[in-house]
Amino acid sequence: MPEADRLQQLTAFAAQAGVSFQDLSLLDQALTHSSFTHENPGLAAGDNERLEYLGDAILGFLVAEWLYARYPSATEGELTRLRVYIVRGETLAAIGRQCALGRYLLMGRGEAANGGQDREANLAGAVEALTGAMYLDGGMEQTRRFVQRLLETHTEQIEDQRTRKDPKTYLQEYTQSAMQITPAYAIVQESGPQHRRTFQAQVLVNGVVWGTGTGSSKQAAEQGAARAAIRDRSL
């Protein structure tokens, strides 16, 4: 069983993420990077790599199931493309950031010093490990509810993939067709520590701000700005 301070962290994470664990040692293992066990062989029951293996398979099934039910007219190829997009490292890392997973990840000093708590591979692996731990702790139905809740928060991005056009491409095609103008993008603000920057972007059409977006990269912020413009102007 984890020590008292770690138990408090795990309880706080579970409350924040809206998950419930009967066995907190499973959650602890899911949030323990292999670098921590290498540096502290006697302080952890194990790292999250085996749980990551299990969670990868369960997550793939639950995502496929969700897509199959949500898009009854989609072809096999379309469903496969969407599943690949959702379970790729970049998307899972974004989900991990949404859950503030990095704040609770145990890792070695060297890995932490190099920005490991926001590293895409670490966050994506932790999401998979968390899925595996949740399955072992509470079964498939609890895990299904958790995964579906996460997917519902990313429906805009999934819809972007389904249409095969990202927001910037869609907006540019619209403005060039309707106005013979190409949108311009500007990064107007940067904040946060160097290893976890947040960017704010604006999209301007003919010098007028049409939308503002934020993201963990300049590209993500620009996509957010384009998405806001499309939404706000019902394009």
Protein backbone atom coordinates (compact mmCIF):
# COMPACT_ATOMS: atom_id res chain seq x y z
CA MET A 1 0.00 0.00 0.00
CA PRO A 2 1.39 3.47 -0.87
CA GLU A 3 2.57 5.74 1.94
CA ALA A 4 0.30 8.40 3.44
CA ASP A 5 1.52 11.33 1.31
CA ARG A 6 1.20 9.31 -1.87
CA LEU A 7 -2.26 8.12 -0.82
CA GLN A 8 -3.35 11.75 -0.52
CA GLN A 9 -2.04 12.44 -4.03
CA LEU A 10 -3.81 9.42 -5.46
CA THR A 11 -7.06 10.30 -3.73
CA ALA A 12 -6.82 13.85 -5.06
CA PHE A 13 -6.20 12.60 -8.59
CA ALA A 14 -9.10 10.15 -8.44
CA ALA A 15 -11.46 12.90 -7.27
CA GLN A 16 -10.23 15.32 -9.94
CA ALA A 17 -10.46 12.76 -12.75
CA GLY A 18 -13.82 11.43 -11.58
CA VAL A 19 -12.61 7.86 -11.14
CA SER A 20 -13.03 5.43 -8.27
CA PHE A 21 -10.52 2.78 -7.15
CA GLN A 22 -11.02 0.08 -4.57
CA ASP A 23 -7.31 -0.80 -4.72
CA LEU A 24 -5.26 2.39 -4.77
CA SER A 25 -2.07 0.39 -5.25
CA LEU A 26 -3.23 -0.28 -8.82
CA LEU A 27 -3.66 3.43 -9.41
CA ASP A 28 -0.24 4.04 -7.84
CA GLN A 29 1.36 1.55 -10.21
CA ALA A 30 -0.42 3.08 -13.21
CA LEU A 31 1.12 6.44 -12.31
CA THR A 32 4.66 5.15 -11.72
CA HIS A 33 7.14 5.57 -14.59
CA SER A 34 9.87 2.97 -15.06
CA SER A 35 12.56 5.59 -14.37
CA PHE A 36 11.32 5.87 -10.78
CA THR A 37 11.61 2.15 -10.10
CA HIS A 38 15.08 2.11 -11.65
CA GLU A 39 16.25 4.86 -9.29
CA ASN A 40 14.26 3.63 -6.29
CA PRO A 41 14.05 -0.17 -6.57
CA GLY A 42 12.70 -0.61 -3.04
CA LEU A 43 10.14 2.19 -2.94
CA ALA A 44 7.61 1.11 -5.57
CA ALA A 45 5.66 -2.09 -6.12
CA GLY A 46 6.29 -1.81 -9.86
CA ASP A 47 6.12 0.52 -12.84
CA ASN A 48 3.24 0.99 -15.26
CA GLU A 49 4.59 -0.83 -18.31
CA ARG A 50 2.58 -4.06 -17.87
CA LEU A 51 -0.59 -2.06 -17.15
CA GLU A 52 0.17 0.01 -20.25
CA TYR A 53 0.24 -3.19 -22.31
CA LEU A 54 -3.13 -4.29 -20.95
CA GLY A 55 -4.68 -0.84 -21.20
CA ASP A 56 -3.60 -0.44 -24.82
CA ALA A 57 -5.69 -3.46 -25.81
CA ILE A 58 -8.71 -2.47 -23.71
CA LEU A 59 -8.61 1.13 -24.89
CA GLY A 60 -8.46 0.05 -28.52
CA PHE A 61 -11.54 -2.13 -28.06
CA LEU A 62 -13.56 0.53 -26.20
CA VAL A 63 -12.69 3.23 -28.74
CA ALA A 64 -13.71 0.92 -31.59
CA GLU A 65 -16.97 0.12 -29.80
CA TRP A 66 -17.73 3.81 -29.21
CA LEU A 67 -17.00 4.75 -32.82
CA TYR A 68 -19.11 1.86 -34.14
CA ALA A 69 -22.13 3.05 -32.13
CA ARG A 70 -21.63 6.77 -32.77
CA TYR A 71 -21.16 6.60 -36.55
CA PRO A 72 -23.54 3.92 -37.88
CA SER A 73 -23.03 4.94 -41.51
CA ALA A 74 -19.22 5.11 -41.41
CA THR A 75 -17.27 2.61 -43.47
CA GLU A 76 -14.69 0.22 -42.03
CA GLY A 77 -11.93 2.43 -43.41
CA GLU A 78 -13.37 5.56 -41.82
CA LEU A 79 -13.78 3.85 -38.45
CA THR A 80 -10.23 2.52 -38.59
CA ARG A 81 -8.83 5.95 -39.42
CA LEU A 82 -10.69 7.53 -36.50
CA ARG A 83 -9.59 4.80 -34.10
CA VAL A 84 -5.95 5.24 -35.13
CA TYR A 85 -6.27 8.99 -34.59
CA ILE A 86 -7.75 8.58 -31.09
CA VAL A 87 -5.29 5.99 -29.77
CA ARG A 88 -2.17 7.67 -31.18
CA GLY A 89 0.29 9.15 -28.71
CA GLU A 90 -0.52 12.80 -29.41
CA THR A 91 -4.24 12.38 -28.71
CA LEU A 92 -3.72 10.26 -25.60
CA ALA A 93 -1.18 12.77 -24.29
CA ALA A 94 -3.75 15.55 -24.74
CA ILE A 95 -6.20 13.47 -22.70
CA GLY A 96 -3.51 13.00 -20.07
CA ARG A 97 -2.96 16.74 -19.85
CA GLN A 98 -6.70 17.24 -19.54
CA CYS A 99 -6.62 14.94 -16.49
CA ALA A 100 -3.46 16.63 -15.13
CA LEU A 101 -1.81 13.21 -15.14
CA GLY A 102 1.70 14.62 -15.27
CA ARG A 103 1.31 16.22 -11.87
CA TYR A 104 0.82 12.80 -10.27
CA LEU A 105 3.35 10.74 -12.23
CA LEU A 106 6.20 9.31 -10.19
CA MET A 107 9.43 9.33 -12.19
CA GLY A 108 13.16 9.45 -11.73
CA ARG A 109 14.92 12.72 -11.06
CA GLY A 110 16.62 12.76 -14.45
CA GLU A 111 13.40 12.13 -16.35
CA ALA A 112 11.56 14.79 -14.33
CA ALA A 113 14.35 17.33 -14.88
CA ASN A 114 14.03 16.83 -18.64
CA GLY A 115 10.32 17.62 -18.70
CA GLY A 116 9.19 14.03 -18.36
CA GLN A 117 5.92 14.96 -16.67
CA ASP A 118 4.76 16.57 -19.91
CA ARG A 119 6.44 14.20 -22.36
CA GLU A 120 4.00 12.80 -24.90
CA ALA A 121 5.12 9.18 -24.54
CA ASN A 122 4.90 9.30 -20.74
CA LEU A 123 1.43 10.83 -20.70
CA ALA A 124 0.07 8.53 -23.41
CA GLY A 125 1.50 5.51 -21.62
CA ALA A 126 -0.02 6.64 -18.33
CA VAL A 127 -3.47 6.96 -19.94
CA GLU A 128 -3.16 3.40 -21.23
CA ALA A 129 -1.90 2.18 -17.85
CA LEU A 130 -4.74 3.97 -16.08
CA THR A 131 -7.20 2.21 -18.39
CA GLY A 132 -5.64 -1.16 -17.58
CA ALA A 133 -5.64 -0.46 -13.84
CA MET A 134 -9.26 0.63 -13.91
CA TYR A 135 -10.24 -2.58 -15.70
CA LEU A 136 -8.46 -4.75 -13.13
CA ASP A 137 -9.94 -2.78 -10.25
CA GLY A 138 -13.55 -2.30 -11.31
CA GLY A 139 -14.21 -4.28 -14.47
CA MET A 140 -15.17 -3.39 -18.01
CA GLU A 141 -18.31 -1.35 -17.37
CA GLN A 142 -16.56 1.15 -15.11
CA THR A 143 -13.72 1.42 -17.63
CA ARG A 144 -16.18 1.87 -20.48
CA ARG A 145 -17.88 4.80 -18.72
CA PHE A 146 -14.54 6.48 -18.08
CA VAL A 147 -13.31 6.09 -21.66
CA GLN A 148 -16.61 7.26 -23.12
CA ARG A 149 -16.53 10.34 -20.90
CA LEU A 150 -13.06 11.20 -22.16
CA LEU A 151 -14.08 10.68 -25.77
CA GLU A 152 -17.11 12.94 -25.39
CA THR A 153 -14.77 15.80 -24.44
CA HIS A 154 -12.89 15.36 -27.73
CA THR A 155 -15.81 15.14 -30.14
CA GLU A 156 -14.83 18.36 -31.96
CA GLN A 157 -11.40 17.02 -32.81
CA ILE A 158 -12.85 13.65 -33.80
CA GLU A 159 -15.38 15.36 -36.09
CA ASP A 160 -12.51 17.30 -37.66
CA GLN A 161 -10.82 14.01 -38.49
CA ARG A 162 -14.03 12.49 -39.79
CA THR A 163 -14.46 15.24 -42.38
CA ARG A 164 -10.76 14.85 -43.29
CA LYS A 165 -10.38 18.61 -43.00
CA ASP A 166 -8.79 20.31 -40.05
CA PRO A 167 -10.31 23.67 -39.02
CA LYS A 168 -7.55 25.74 -40.65
CA THR A 169 -8.04 24.01 -43.99
CA TYR A 170 -11.82 24.31 -43.80
CA LEU A 171 -11.69 28.02 -42.89
CA GLN A 172 -9.17 28.80 -45.62
CA GLU A 173 -11.26 27.04 -48.26
CA TYR A 174 -14.31 29.01 -47.12
CA THR A 175 -12.68 32.46 -47.07
CA GLN A 176 -10.91 31.92 -50.38
CA SER A 177 -14.13 30.79 -52.03
CA ALA A 178 -16.46 33.39 -50.50
CA MET A 179 -14.11 36.36 -50.09
CA GLN A 180 -10.95 35.61 -52.09
CA ILE A 181 -8.98 36.12 -48.85
CA THR A 182 -6.55 33.84 -47.02
CA PRO A 183 -6.78 33.91 -43.20
CA ALA A 184 -3.75 35.10 -41.24
CA TYR A 185 -2.69 33.76 -37.84
CA ALA A 186 -0.87 35.48 -35.00
CA ILE A 187 0.45 34.13 -31.71
CA VAL A 188 -0.62 36.82 -29.25
CA GLN A 189 0.41 35.28 -25.94
CA GLU A 190 2.74 32.64 -24.49
CA SER A 191 2.64 31.51 -20.86
CA GLY A 192 3.71 28.72 -18.54
CA PRO A 193 7.07 27.08 -17.80
CA GLN A 194 9.44 26.29 -20.66
CA HIS A 195 8.59 22.58 -20.71
CA ARG A 196 4.83 23.20 -20.60
CA ARG A 197 4.10 26.29 -22.68
CA THR A 198 0.58 27.47 -23.47
CA PHE A 199 0.00 29.52 -26.61
CA GLN A 200 -2.87 31.80 -27.57
CA ALA A 201 -3.52 32.49 -31.24
CA GLN A 202 -5.87 34.71 -33.21
CA VAL A 203 -7.10 34.19 -36.75
CA LEU A 204 -7.66 37.36 -38.76
CA VAL A 205 -9.63 37.70 -41.97
CA ASN A 206 -9.12 40.96 -43.82
CA GLY A 207 -7.59 42.40 -40.64
CA VAL A 208 -10.55 41.47 -38.42
CA VAL A 209 -10.18 38.94 -35.58
CA TRP A 210 -12.54 36.06 -36.28
CA GLY A 211 -11.49 33.69 -33.52
CA THR A 212 -9.11 33.02 -30.64
CA GLY A 213 -7.75 29.68 -29.48
CA THR A 214 -5.27 28.22 -27.01
CA GLY A 215 -3.11 25.11 -27.11
CA SER A 216 0.07 23.43 -25.96
CA SER A 217 1.71 24.24 -29.32
CA LYS A 218 1.43 27.11 -31.79
CA GLN A 219 -0.22 24.80 -34.32
CA ALA A 220 -2.80 23.61 -31.78
CA ALA A 221 -3.58 27.21 -30.80
CA GLU A 222 -4.07 28.19 -34.45
CA GLN A 223 -6.36 25.21 -35.02
CA GLY A 224 -8.34 26.28 -31.96
CA ALA A 225 -8.66 29.81 -33.32
CA ALA A 226 -9.91 28.50 -36.66
CA ARG A 227 -12.36 26.18 -34.90
CA ALA A 228 -13.69 29.13 -32.87
CA ALA A 229 -14.16 31.20 -36.03
CA ILE A 230 -16.07 28.39 -37.73
CA ARG A 231 -18.26 27.87 -34.67
CA ASP A 232 -18.94 31.53 -33.91
CA ARG A 233 -19.83 32.38 -37.51
CA SER A 234 -21.73 29.14 -38.15
CA LEU A 235 -19.63 28.41 -41.24
